[in-house]
Amino acid sequence: MNHDEMKRTVVAMYSRAAELYDQVGTREFTYFGKLLVNTLNIPIGAYVLDIACGRGALLFAAAEQVSDSGQVIGIDLAPGMLTQTKSALRQRSFKQAEVVMMDADHLAFRENIFDFITCGYALHFLNYEYVLAKSLKLLKPGGFFAAIMPFVPQDDENMKQWGWLFTLTKAIFPPDFIAPAAWTAPNRLNKPDIAKATLQHAGFVDIQIQSHVVTFYFRDEDEWWDWEWSQGSRFWLEGMSAEGLTQFKHEALRHLVSMKAEKGIPIKMGALFVVGRKASE
């Protein structure tokens, strides 16, 4: 699968998932999006670009920070995401925010105009070497690029609780199955040393890496099932045969019922914050 094929696959899947995306289950994109914006300390009046804005987790948090005197532009290539986020913008009456359809691999903005550029949970799907190099040009001197990369916490407790899911998923597919690049793309940049080196190569300085692990809870197994269809796991579900999907759901829900605690079904999720600055002239 070349990059253009992967892009078409990613755009189509996330457009199908848009109605549920970050609206069910843990809503981790909203949680970590707000946390990153707070970390950046974006000032009132700032000019912000949010790449692959999705349902607006970073977009809305940044819009609240910049207030009416600032501006936030969100771009995305998935029609379903744009439809949902435009509707949400109208409901919130944010005059300082807008979303437009644009391919992040072909950013069409003037150079040296943005104070901040953000990208949540999407840099790994993009031609990130181009995106980072172009972002450096679009930022004002001293401006910041910030991305969120997802990762699965590998501690013993989390693996003991959720290791069965990886085993079950693997068992549904043939032994010689190789997952398409789109399905495993998050693994491209989810290690601190790789992420840091990638931003350094693009020319960013003062690179900061923060690793966050948070325990979220699903209300019940049905909420987890809806959440599975709302984000990257959907690649795997849609790739299963009808019989395999039925088996997967049956076995997964059985496990989840046994995991339910007083607060619900716990899951640890990781987010890597990667922030780099454009050198001041």
C-alpha atoms as a PDB file:
ATOM      1  CA  MET A   1       0.000   0.000   0.000  1.00  0.00           C
ATOM      2  CA  ASN A   2       1.588   3.263  -1.117  1.00  0.00           C
ATOM      3  CA  HIS A   3       0.949   6.583   0.610  1.00  0.00           C
ATOM      4  CA  ASP A   4      -1.873   7.714  -1.685  1.00  0.00           C
ATOM      5  CA  GLU A   5      -3.668   4.392  -1.243  1.00  0.00           C
ATOM      6  CA  MET A   6      -3.277   4.616   2.510  1.00  0.00           C
ATOM      7  CA  LYS A   7      -4.621   8.159   2.479  1.00  0.00           C
ATOM      8  CA  ARG A   8      -7.745   7.126   0.581  1.00  0.00           C
ATOM      9  CA  THR A   9      -8.295   4.233   2.999  1.00  0.00           C
ATOM     10  CA  VAL A  10      -7.860   6.453   6.063  1.00  0.00           C
ATOM     11  CA  VAL A  11     -10.073   9.264   4.755  1.00  0.00           C
ATOM     12  CA  ALA A  12     -12.867   6.866   3.817  1.00  0.00           C
ATOM     13  CA  MET A  13     -12.823   5.026   7.144  1.00  0.00           C
ATOM     14  CA  TYR A  14     -12.759   8.152   9.296  1.00  0.00           C
ATOM     15  CA  SER A  15     -15.540   9.661   7.240  1.00  0.00           C
ATOM     16  CA  ARG A  16     -17.653   6.579   7.983  1.00  0.00           C
ATOM     17  CA  ALA A  17     -16.739   6.786  11.680  1.00  0.00           C
ATOM     18  CA  ALA A  18     -17.325  10.543  11.955  1.00  0.00           C
ATOM     19  CA  GLU A  19     -20.758  10.441  13.564  1.00  0.00           C
ATOM     20  CA  LEU A  20     -19.450   8.380  16.496  1.00  0.00           C
ATOM     21  CA  TYR A  21     -15.866   9.691  16.578  1.00  0.00           C
ATOM     22  CA  ASP A  22     -15.037  10.960  20.089  1.00  0.00           C
ATOM     23  CA  GLN A  23     -18.741  10.986  20.931  1.00  0.00           C
ATOM     24  CA  VAL A  24     -18.962   7.592  22.649  1.00  0.00           C
ATOM     25  CA  GLY A  25     -16.909   5.664  25.166  1.00  0.00           C
ATOM     26  CA  THR A  26     -13.821   7.224  26.732  1.00  0.00           C
ATOM     27  CA  ARG A  27     -13.735  10.419  24.619  1.00  0.00           C
ATOM     28  CA  GLU A  28      -9.967  10.366  25.028  1.00  0.00           C
ATOM     29  CA  PHE A  29      -9.416  12.741  22.102  1.00  0.00           C
ATOM     30  CA  THR A  30     -11.289  15.534  23.879  1.00  0.00           C
ATOM     31  CA  TYR A  31      -9.544  14.789  27.180  1.00  0.00           C
ATOM     32  CA  PHE A  32      -6.006  14.777  25.795  1.00  0.00           C
ATOM     33  CA  GLY A  33      -6.787  17.618  23.370  1.00  0.00           C
ATOM     34  CA  LYS A  34      -7.719  19.952  26.223  1.00  0.00           C
ATOM     35  CA  LEU A  35      -4.686  18.797  28.181  1.00  0.00           C
ATOM     36  CA  LEU A  36      -2.330  19.579  25.297  1.00  0.00           C
ATOM     37  CA  VAL A  37      -3.851  23.031  24.705  1.00  0.00           C
ATOM     38  CA  ASN A  38      -3.485  23.808  28.412  1.00  0.00           C
ATOM     39  CA  THR A  39       0.133  22.632  28.248  1.00  0.00           C
ATOM     40  CA  LEU A  40       0.833  24.946  25.300  1.00  0.00           C
ATOM     41  CA  ASN A  41      -0.598  27.948  27.154  1.00  0.00           C
ATOM     42  CA  ILE A  42      -1.955  29.436  23.918  1.00  0.00           C
ATOM     43  CA  PRO A  43      -2.545  33.167  24.488  1.00  0.00           C
ATOM     44  CA  ILE A  44      -5.586  35.261  23.622  1.00  0.00           C
ATOM     45  CA  GLY A  45      -5.321  36.560  20.062  1.00  0.00           C
ATOM     46  CA  ALA A  46      -3.146  33.718  18.730  1.00  0.00           C
ATOM     47  CA  TYR A  47      -3.445  32.387  15.171  1.00  0.00           C
ATOM     48  CA  VAL A  48      -3.661  28.577  15.181  1.00  0.00           C
ATOM     49  CA  LEU A  49      -3.780  25.874  12.518  1.00  0.00           C
ATOM     50  CA  ASP A  50      -5.164  22.466  13.508  1.00  0.00           C
ATOM     51  CA  ILE A  51      -4.157  19.767  11.010  1.00  0.00           C
ATOM     52  CA  ALA A  52      -6.563  16.819  10.586  1.00  0.00           C
ATOM     53  CA  CYS A  53      -8.992  18.439  13.006  1.00  0.00           C
ATOM     54  CA  GLY A  54     -11.506  15.560  13.063  1.00  0.00           C
ATOM     55  CA  ARG A  55     -14.415  16.347  15.378  1.00  0.00           C
ATOM     56  CA  GLY A  56     -12.572  19.335  16.844  1.00  0.00           C
ATOM     57  CA  ALA A  57     -10.958  18.070  20.058  1.00  0.00           C
ATOM     58  CA  LEU A  58      -8.015  20.454  19.636  1.00  0.00           C
ATOM     59  CA  LEU A  59      -9.900  22.979  17.519  1.00  0.00           C
ATOM     60  CA  PHE A  60     -12.518  23.808  20.149  1.00  0.00           C
ATOM     61  CA  ALA A  61     -10.036  23.842  23.022  1.00  0.00           C
ATOM     62  CA  ALA A  62      -7.774  26.230  21.084  1.00  0.00           C
ATOM     63  CA  ALA A  63     -10.719  28.431  20.046  1.00  0.00           C
ATOM     64  CA  GLU A  64     -11.659  28.908  23.685  1.00  0.00           C
ATOM     65  CA  GLN A  65      -8.087  29.949  24.441  1.00  0.00           C
ATOM     66  CA  VAL A  66      -7.592  32.467  21.617  1.00  0.00           C
ATOM     67  CA  SER A  67     -10.991  34.118  22.256  1.00  0.00           C
ATOM     68  CA  ASP A  68     -12.670  36.472  19.788  1.00  0.00           C
ATOM     69  CA  SER A  69      -9.450  38.315  18.957  1.00  0.00           C
ATOM     70  CA  GLY A  70      -7.706  35.163  17.722  1.00  0.00           C
ATOM     71  CA  GLN A  71      -8.390  32.643  14.989  1.00  0.00           C
ATOM     72  CA  VAL A  72      -8.235  28.859  14.661  1.00  0.00           C
ATOM     73  CA  ILE A  73      -8.404  27.126  11.293  1.00  0.00           C
ATOM     74  CA  GLY A  74      -9.063  23.413  11.208  1.00  0.00           C
ATOM     75  CA  ILE A  75      -8.375  21.355   8.105  1.00  0.00           C
ATOM     76  CA  ASP A  76      -9.428  17.814   7.315  1.00  0.00           C
ATOM     77  CA  LEU A  77      -9.876  15.627   4.251  1.00  0.00           C
ATOM     78  CA  ALA A  78     -12.721  13.410   5.505  1.00  0.00           C
ATOM     79  CA  PRO A  79     -16.101  14.804   4.352  1.00  0.00           C
ATOM     80  CA  GLY A  80     -17.927  13.184   7.256  1.00  0.00           C
ATOM     81  CA  MET A  81     -15.658  14.848   9.802  1.00  0.00           C
ATOM     82  CA  LEU A  82     -16.075  18.252   8.163  1.00  0.00           C
ATOM     83  CA  THR A  83     -19.859  17.949   8.130  1.00  0.00           C
ATOM     84  CA  GLN A  84     -20.020  17.050  11.807  1.00  0.00           C
ATOM     85  CA  THR A  85     -17.526  19.693  12.933  1.00  0.00           C
ATOM     86  CA  LYS A  86     -19.101  22.489  10.902  1.00  0.00           C
ATOM     87  CA  SER A  87     -22.420  21.641  12.532  1.00  0.00           C
ATOM     88  CA  ALA A  88     -20.819  21.746  15.996  1.00  0.00           C
ATOM     89  CA  LEU A  89     -19.219  25.114  15.221  1.00  0.00           C
ATOM     90  CA  ARG A  90     -22.595  26.578  14.287  1.00  0.00           C
ATOM     91  CA  GLN A  91     -24.096  25.275  17.522  1.00  0.00           C
ATOM     92  CA  ARG A  92     -21.308  26.829  19.595  1.00  0.00           C
ATOM     93  CA  SER A  93     -21.335  30.115  17.646  1.00  0.00           C
ATOM     94  CA  PHE A  94     -17.537  30.280  17.525  1.00  0.00           C
ATOM     95  CA  LYS A  95     -16.709  33.215  15.258  1.00  0.00           C
ATOM     96  CA  GLN A  96     -12.984  32.695  15.810  1.00  0.00           C
ATOM     97  CA  ALA A  97     -12.914  29.157  14.374  1.00  0.00           C
ATOM     98  CA  GLU A  98     -13.533  27.622  10.962  1.00  0.00           C
ATOM     99  CA  VAL A  99     -12.942  24.306   9.238  1.00  0.00           C
ATOM    100  CA  VAL A 100     -12.058  23.752   5.600  1.00  0.00           C
ATOM    101  CA  MET A 101     -11.320  20.760   3.411  1.00  0.00           C
ATOM    102  CA  MET A 102      -7.603  20.591   2.733  1.00  0.00           C
ATOM    103  CA  ASP A 103      -5.050  17.839   2.242  1.00  0.00           C
ATOM    104  CA  ALA A 104      -2.401  18.129   4.949  1.00  0.00           C
ATOM    105  CA  ASP A 105       0.104  16.782   2.442  1.00  0.00           C
ATOM    106  CA  HIS A 106      -0.469  19.981   0.427  1.00  0.00           C
ATOM    107  CA  LEU A 107      -0.793  22.806   2.951  1.00  0.00           C
ATOM    108  CA  ALA A 108      -1.895  25.977   1.143  1.00  0.00           C
ATOM    109  CA  PHE A 109      -1.070  28.853   3.485  1.00  0.00           C
ATOM    110  CA  ARG A 110       1.363  31.741   3.453  1.00  0.00           C
ATOM    111  CA  GLU A 111       4.618  31.324   5.331  1.00  0.00           C
ATOM    112  CA  ASN A 112       5.338  32.817   8.768  1.00  0.00           C
ATOM    113  CA  ILE A 113       1.700  33.398   9.782  1.00  0.00           C
ATOM    114  CA  PHE A 114       0.776  30.884  12.496  1.00  0.00           C
ATOM    115  CA  ASP A 115       1.657  31.122  16.172  1.00  0.00           C
ATOM    116  CA  PHE A 116       0.782  27.454  16.784  1.00  0.00           C
ATOM    117  CA  ILE A 117       0.189  24.414  14.596  1.00  0.00           C
ATOM    118  CA  THR A 118      -1.397  21.345  16.184  1.00  0.00           C
ATOM    119  CA  CYS A 119      -2.090  17.821  14.978  1.00  0.00           C
ATOM    120  CA  GLY A 120      -3.908  15.316  17.152  1.00  0.00           C
ATOM    121  CA  TYR A 121      -3.774  11.566  16.498  1.00  0.00           C
ATOM    122  CA  ALA A 122      -3.076  11.972  12.776  1.00  0.00           C
ATOM    123  CA  LEU A 123       0.564  12.825  12.022  1.00  0.00           C
ATOM    124  CA  HIS A 124       1.364   9.115  11.578  1.00  0.00           C
ATOM    125  CA  PHE A 125      -1.151   8.892   8.695  1.00  0.00           C
ATOM    126  CA  LEU A 126       0.416  11.796   6.813  1.00  0.00           C
ATOM    127  CA  ASN A 127       3.548  12.344   4.804  1.00  0.00           C
ATOM    128  CA  TYR A 128       4.894  13.636   8.081  1.00  0.00           C
ATOM    129  CA  GLU A 129       8.346  14.635   6.845  1.00  0.00           C
ATOM    130  CA  TYR A 130       6.676  17.032   4.388  1.00  0.00           C
ATOM    131  CA  VAL A 131       4.063  18.182   6.928  1.00  0.00           C
ATOM    132  CA  LEU A 132       6.696  19.007   9.537  1.00  0.00           C
ATOM    133  CA  ALA A 133       8.991  20.789   7.095  1.00  0.00           C
ATOM    134  CA  LYS A 134       6.078  22.799   5.706  1.00  0.00           C
ATOM    135  CA  SER A 135       4.748  23.552   9.206  1.00  0.00           C
ATOM    136  CA  LEU A 136       8.125  25.011  10.117  1.00  0.00           C
ATOM    137  CA  LYS A 137       7.768  27.447   7.202  1.00  0.00           C
ATOM    138  CA  LEU A 138       4.182  28.349   8.089  1.00  0.00           C
ATOM    139  CA  LEU A 139       5.007  29.181  11.704  1.00  0.00           C
ATOM    140  CA  LYS A 140       6.165  32.601  12.786  1.00  0.00           C
ATOM    141  CA  PRO A 141       9.675  32.683  14.286  1.00  0.00           C
ATOM    142  CA  GLY A 142       9.304  31.357  17.817  1.00  0.00           C
ATOM    143  CA  GLY A 143       6.048  29.568  16.960  1.00  0.00           C
ATOM    144  CA  PHE A 144       5.216  26.048  18.123  1.00  0.00           C
ATOM    145  CA  PHE A 145       4.235  22.755  16.495  1.00  0.00           C
ATOM    146  CA  ALA A 146       2.505  20.253  18.780  1.00  0.00           C
ATOM    147  CA  ALA A 147       1.250  16.735  18.100  1.00  0.00           C
ATOM    148  CA  ILE A 148      -0.443  13.959  20.041  1.00  0.00           C
ATOM    149  CA  MET A 149       0.624  10.379  19.310  1.00  0.00           C
ATOM    150  CA  PRO A 150      -1.359   7.466  20.781  1.00  0.00           C
ATOM    151  CA  PHE A 151       0.254   4.467  22.426  1.00  0.00           C
ATOM    152  CA  VAL A 152      -0.893   1.434  24.389  1.00  0.00           C
ATOM    153  CA  PRO A 153       0.603   1.345  27.912  1.00  0.00           C
ATOM    154  CA  GLN A 154       2.634  -1.833  28.206  1.00  0.00           C
ATOM    155  CA  ASP A 155       2.653  -2.177  31.984  1.00  0.00           C
ATOM    156  CA  ASP A 156       1.820  -5.581  33.460  1.00  0.00           C
ATOM    157  CA  GLU A 157      -1.564  -4.502  34.811  1.00  0.00           C
ATOM    158  CA  ASN A 158      -2.821  -3.159  31.495  1.00  0.00           C
ATOM    159  CA  MET A 159      -1.525  -6.137  29.539  1.00  0.00           C
ATOM    160  CA  LYS A 160      -3.091  -8.529  32.045  1.00  0.00           C
ATOM    161  CA  GLN A 161      -6.449  -6.781  31.679  1.00  0.00           C
ATOM    162  CA  TRP A 162      -6.405  -6.268  27.921  1.00  0.00           C
ATOM    163  CA  GLY A 163      -3.900  -8.738  26.483  1.00  0.00           C
ATOM    164  CA  TRP A 164      -6.750 -11.051  25.514  1.00  0.00           C
ATOM    165  CA  LEU A 165      -8.028  -8.455  23.024  1.00  0.00           C
ATOM    166  CA  PHE A 166      -4.834  -8.535  20.961  1.00  0.00           C
ATOM    167  CA  THR A 167      -4.768 -12.342  21.062  1.00  0.00           C
ATOM    168  CA  LEU A 168      -8.414 -12.566  20.027  1.00  0.00           C
ATOM    169  CA  THR A 169      -8.031 -10.048  17.203  1.00  0.00           C
ATOM    170  CA  LYS A 170      -5.017 -11.915  15.833  1.00  0.00           C
ATOM    171  CA  ALA A 171      -6.909 -15.229  15.978  1.00  0.00           C
ATOM    172  CA  ILE A 172      -9.717 -13.898  13.776  1.00  0.00           C
ATOM    173  CA  PHE A 173      -7.341 -13.361  10.849  1.00  0.00           C
ATOM    174  CA  PRO A 174      -5.361 -16.001   8.917  1.00  0.00           C
ATOM    175  CA  PRO A 175      -1.981 -16.968  10.423  1.00  0.00           C
ATOM    176  CA  ASP A 176      -0.077 -15.337   7.563  1.00  0.00           C
ATOM    177  CA  PHE A 177      -2.156 -12.129   7.597  1.00  0.00           C
ATOM    178  CA  ILE A 178      -0.205  -8.876   7.332  1.00  0.00           C
ATOM    179  CA  ALA A 179      -2.164  -5.799   8.395  1.00  0.00           C
ATOM    180  CA  PRO A 180      -2.297  -2.958   5.836  1.00  0.00           C
ATOM    181  CA  ALA A 181      -0.165   0.090   6.587  1.00  0.00           C
ATOM    182  CA  ALA A 182      -3.190   2.225   7.484  1.00  0.00           C
ATOM    183  CA  TRP A 183      -4.143  -0.161  10.291  1.00  0.00           C
ATOM    184  CA  THR A 184      -0.761  -0.018  11.996  1.00  0.00           C
ATOM    185  CA  ALA A 185       0.230   3.567  11.158  1.00  0.00           C
ATOM    186  CA  PRO A 186       0.178   4.783  14.800  1.00  0.00           C
ATOM    187  CA  ASN A 187       3.232   2.609  15.449  1.00  0.00           C
ATOM    188  CA  ARG A 188       5.295   4.831  13.142  1.00  0.00           C
ATOM    189  CA  LEU A 189       5.744   7.679  15.643  1.00  0.00           C
ATOM    190  CA  ASN A 190       4.619   6.424  19.047  1.00  0.00           C
ATOM    191  CA  LYS A 191       8.077   6.127  20.623  1.00  0.00           C
ATOM    192  CA  PRO A 192       9.579   9.230  22.297  1.00  0.00           C
ATOM    193  CA  ASP A 193      13.001   8.886  20.674  1.00  0.00           C
ATOM    194  CA  ILE A 194      11.533   8.433  17.178  1.00  0.00           C
ATOM    195  CA  ALA A 195       9.126  11.346  17.577  1.00  0.00           C
ATOM    196  CA  LYS A 196      11.862  13.628  18.894  1.00  0.00           C
ATOM    197  CA  ALA A 197      14.301  12.697  16.127  1.00  0.00           C
ATOM    198  CA  THR A 198      11.605  13.308  13.501  1.00  0.00           C
ATOM    199  CA  LEU A 199      10.969  16.869  14.709  1.00  0.00           C
ATOM    200  CA  GLN A 200      14.705  17.524  15.018  1.00  0.00           C
ATOM    201  CA  HIS A 201      15.223  16.370  11.438  1.00  0.00           C
ATOM    202  CA  ALA A 202      12.548  18.844  10.297  1.00  0.00           C
ATOM    203  CA  GLY A 203      14.436  21.703  11.967  1.00  0.00           C
ATOM    204  CA  PHE A 204      12.512  22.247  15.196  1.00  0.00           C
ATOM    205  CA  VAL A 205      14.358  23.196  18.376  1.00  0.00           C
ATOM    206  CA  ASP A 206      13.656  22.963  22.109  1.00  0.00           C
ATOM    207  CA  ILE A 207      11.682  19.760  21.579  1.00  0.00           C
ATOM    208  CA  GLN A 208       9.695  18.625  24.576  1.00  0.00           C
ATOM    209  CA  ILE A 209       8.222  15.140  25.046  1.00  0.00           C
ATOM    210  CA  GLN A 210       5.541  14.341  27.604  1.00  0.00           C
ATOM    211  CA  SER A 211       4.039  10.901  28.159  1.00  0.00           C
ATOM    212  CA  HIS A 212       0.587  10.715  29.721  1.00  0.00           C
ATOM    213  CA  VAL A 213      -1.238   7.593  30.864  1.00  0.00           C
ATOM    214  CA  VAL A 214      -4.828   7.880  32.078  1.00  0.00           C
ATOM    215  CA  THR A 215      -7.359   5.271  33.185  1.00  0.00           C
ATOM    216  CA  PHE A 216     -10.744   5.732  31.541  1.00  0.00           C
ATOM    217  CA  TYR A 217     -13.922   3.704  32.069  1.00  0.00           C
ATOM    218  CA  PHE A 218     -16.534   2.285  29.739  1.00  0.00           C
ATOM    219  CA  ARG A 219     -20.001   2.271  31.252  1.00  0.00           C
ATOM    220  CA  ASP A 220     -20.558  -1.285  30.003  1.00  0.00           C
ATOM    221  CA  GLU A 221     -19.613  -3.697  27.226  1.00  0.00           C
ATOM    222  CA  ASP A 222     -22.097  -2.147  24.784  1.00  0.00           C
ATOM    223  CA  GLU A 223     -20.469   1.265  25.126  1.00  0.00           C
ATOM    224  CA  TRP A 224     -17.087  -0.350  24.423  1.00  0.00           C
ATOM    225  CA  TRP A 225     -18.524  -1.965  21.299  1.00  0.00           C
ATOM    226  CA  ASP A 226     -19.778   1.397  19.992  1.00  0.00           C
ATOM    227  CA  TRP A 227     -16.388   2.928  20.795  1.00  0.00           C
ATOM    228  CA  GLU A 228     -14.600   0.216  18.828  1.00  0.00           C
ATOM    229  CA  TRP A 229     -16.445   1.402  15.707  1.00  0.00           C
ATOM    230  CA  SER A 230     -15.716   5.065  16.397  1.00  0.00           C
ATOM    231  CA  GLN A 231     -11.915   5.198  15.916  1.00  0.00           C
ATOM    232  CA  GLY A 232      -8.906   3.292  14.568  1.00  0.00           C
ATOM    233  CA  SER A 233     -10.124  -0.106  15.752  1.00  0.00           C
ATOM    234  CA  ARG A 234     -12.745   0.142  13.028  1.00  0.00           C
ATOM    235  CA  PHE A 235     -10.091  -0.771  10.453  1.00  0.00           C
ATOM    236  CA  TRP A 236      -9.788  -4.196  12.063  1.00  0.00           C
ATOM    237  CA  LEU A 237     -13.524  -4.734  12.529  1.00  0.00           C
ATOM    238  CA  GLU A 238     -14.284  -3.871   8.914  1.00  0.00           C
ATOM    239  CA  GLY A 239     -11.495  -6.203   7.802  1.00  0.00           C
ATOM    240  CA  MET A 240     -13.054  -9.242   9.494  1.00  0.00           C
ATOM    241  CA  SER A 241     -15.311 -11.690   7.723  1.00  0.00           C
ATOM    242  CA  ALA A 242     -18.953 -11.743   8.811  1.00  0.00           C
ATOM    243  CA  GLU A 243     -18.338 -14.958  10.724  1.00  0.00           C
ATOM    244  CA  GLY A 244     -15.136 -13.619  12.237  1.00  0.00           C
ATOM    245  CA  LEU A 245     -16.827 -10.410  13.367  1.00  0.00           C
ATOM    246  CA  THR A 246     -19.623 -12.364  15.047  1.00  0.00           C
ATOM    247  CA  GLN A 247     -17.074 -14.537  16.850  1.00  0.00           C
ATOM    248  CA  PHE A 248     -14.988 -11.528  17.835  1.00  0.00           C
ATOM    249  CA  LYS A 249     -17.962  -9.660  19.303  1.00  0.00           C
ATOM    250  CA  HIS A 250     -19.204 -12.706  21.234  1.00  0.00           C
ATOM    251  CA  GLU A 251     -15.804 -13.460  22.774  1.00  0.00           C
ATOM    252  CA  ALA A 252     -14.968  -9.809  23.458  1.00  0.00           C
ATOM    253  CA  LEU A 253     -18.227  -9.030  25.243  1.00  0.00           C
ATOM    254  CA  ARG A 254     -17.826 -12.161  27.344  1.00  0.00           C
ATOM    255  CA  HIS A 255     -14.423 -10.941  28.518  1.00  0.00           C
ATOM    256  CA  LEU A 256     -15.683  -7.432  29.164  1.00  0.00           C
ATOM    257  CA  VAL A 257     -18.566  -8.560  31.364  1.00  0.00           C
ATOM    258  CA  SER A 258     -16.046 -10.240  33.661  1.00  0.00           C
ATOM    259  CA  MET A 259     -13.912  -7.044  33.771  1.00  0.00           C
ATOM    260  CA  LYS A 260     -16.692  -4.737  34.917  1.00  0.00           C
ATOM    261  CA  ALA A 261     -15.987  -2.983  38.215  1.00  0.00           C
ATOM    262  CA  GLU A 262     -17.893  -0.422  40.269  1.00  0.00           C
ATOM    263  CA  LYS A 263     -16.864   2.475  37.997  1.00  0.00           C
ATOM    264  CA  GLY A 264     -17.273   0.448  34.825  1.00  0.00           C
ATOM    265  CA  ILE A 265     -14.738  -1.308  32.598  1.00  0.00           C
ATOM    266  CA  PRO A 266     -11.275   0.249  33.094  1.00  0.00           C
ATOM    267  CA  ILE A 267      -8.776   0.830  30.319  1.00  0.00           C
ATOM    268  CA  LYS A 268      -5.437   2.627  30.393  1.00  0.00           C
ATOM    269  CA  MET A 269      -4.685   4.872  27.423  1.00  0.00           C
ATOM    270  CA  GLY A 270      -1.457   6.613  26.562  1.00  0.00           C
ATOM    271  CA  ALA A 271      -0.812   9.872  24.751  1.00  0.00           C
ATOM    272  CA  LEU A 272       2.583  11.202  23.719  1.00  0.00           C
ATOM    273  CA  PHE A 273       2.758  15.003  23.527  1.00  0.00           C
ATOM    274  CA  VAL A 274       5.502  16.175  21.163  1.00  0.00           C
ATOM    275  CA  VAL A 275       6.171  19.914  21.031  1.00  0.00           C
ATOM    276  CA  GLY A 276       8.818  21.717  18.981  1.00  0.00           C
ATOM    277  CA  ARG A 277       9.604  25.393  18.457  1.00  0.00           C
ATOM    278  CA  LYS A 278      10.658  27.281  15.344  1.00  0.00           C
ATOM    279  CA  ALA A 279      13.876  29.087  16.092  1.00  0.00           C
ATOM    280  CA  SER A 280      13.564  32.859  16.543  1.00  0.00           C
ATOM    281  CA  GLU A 281      15.273  34.949  13.912  1.00  0.00           C
END
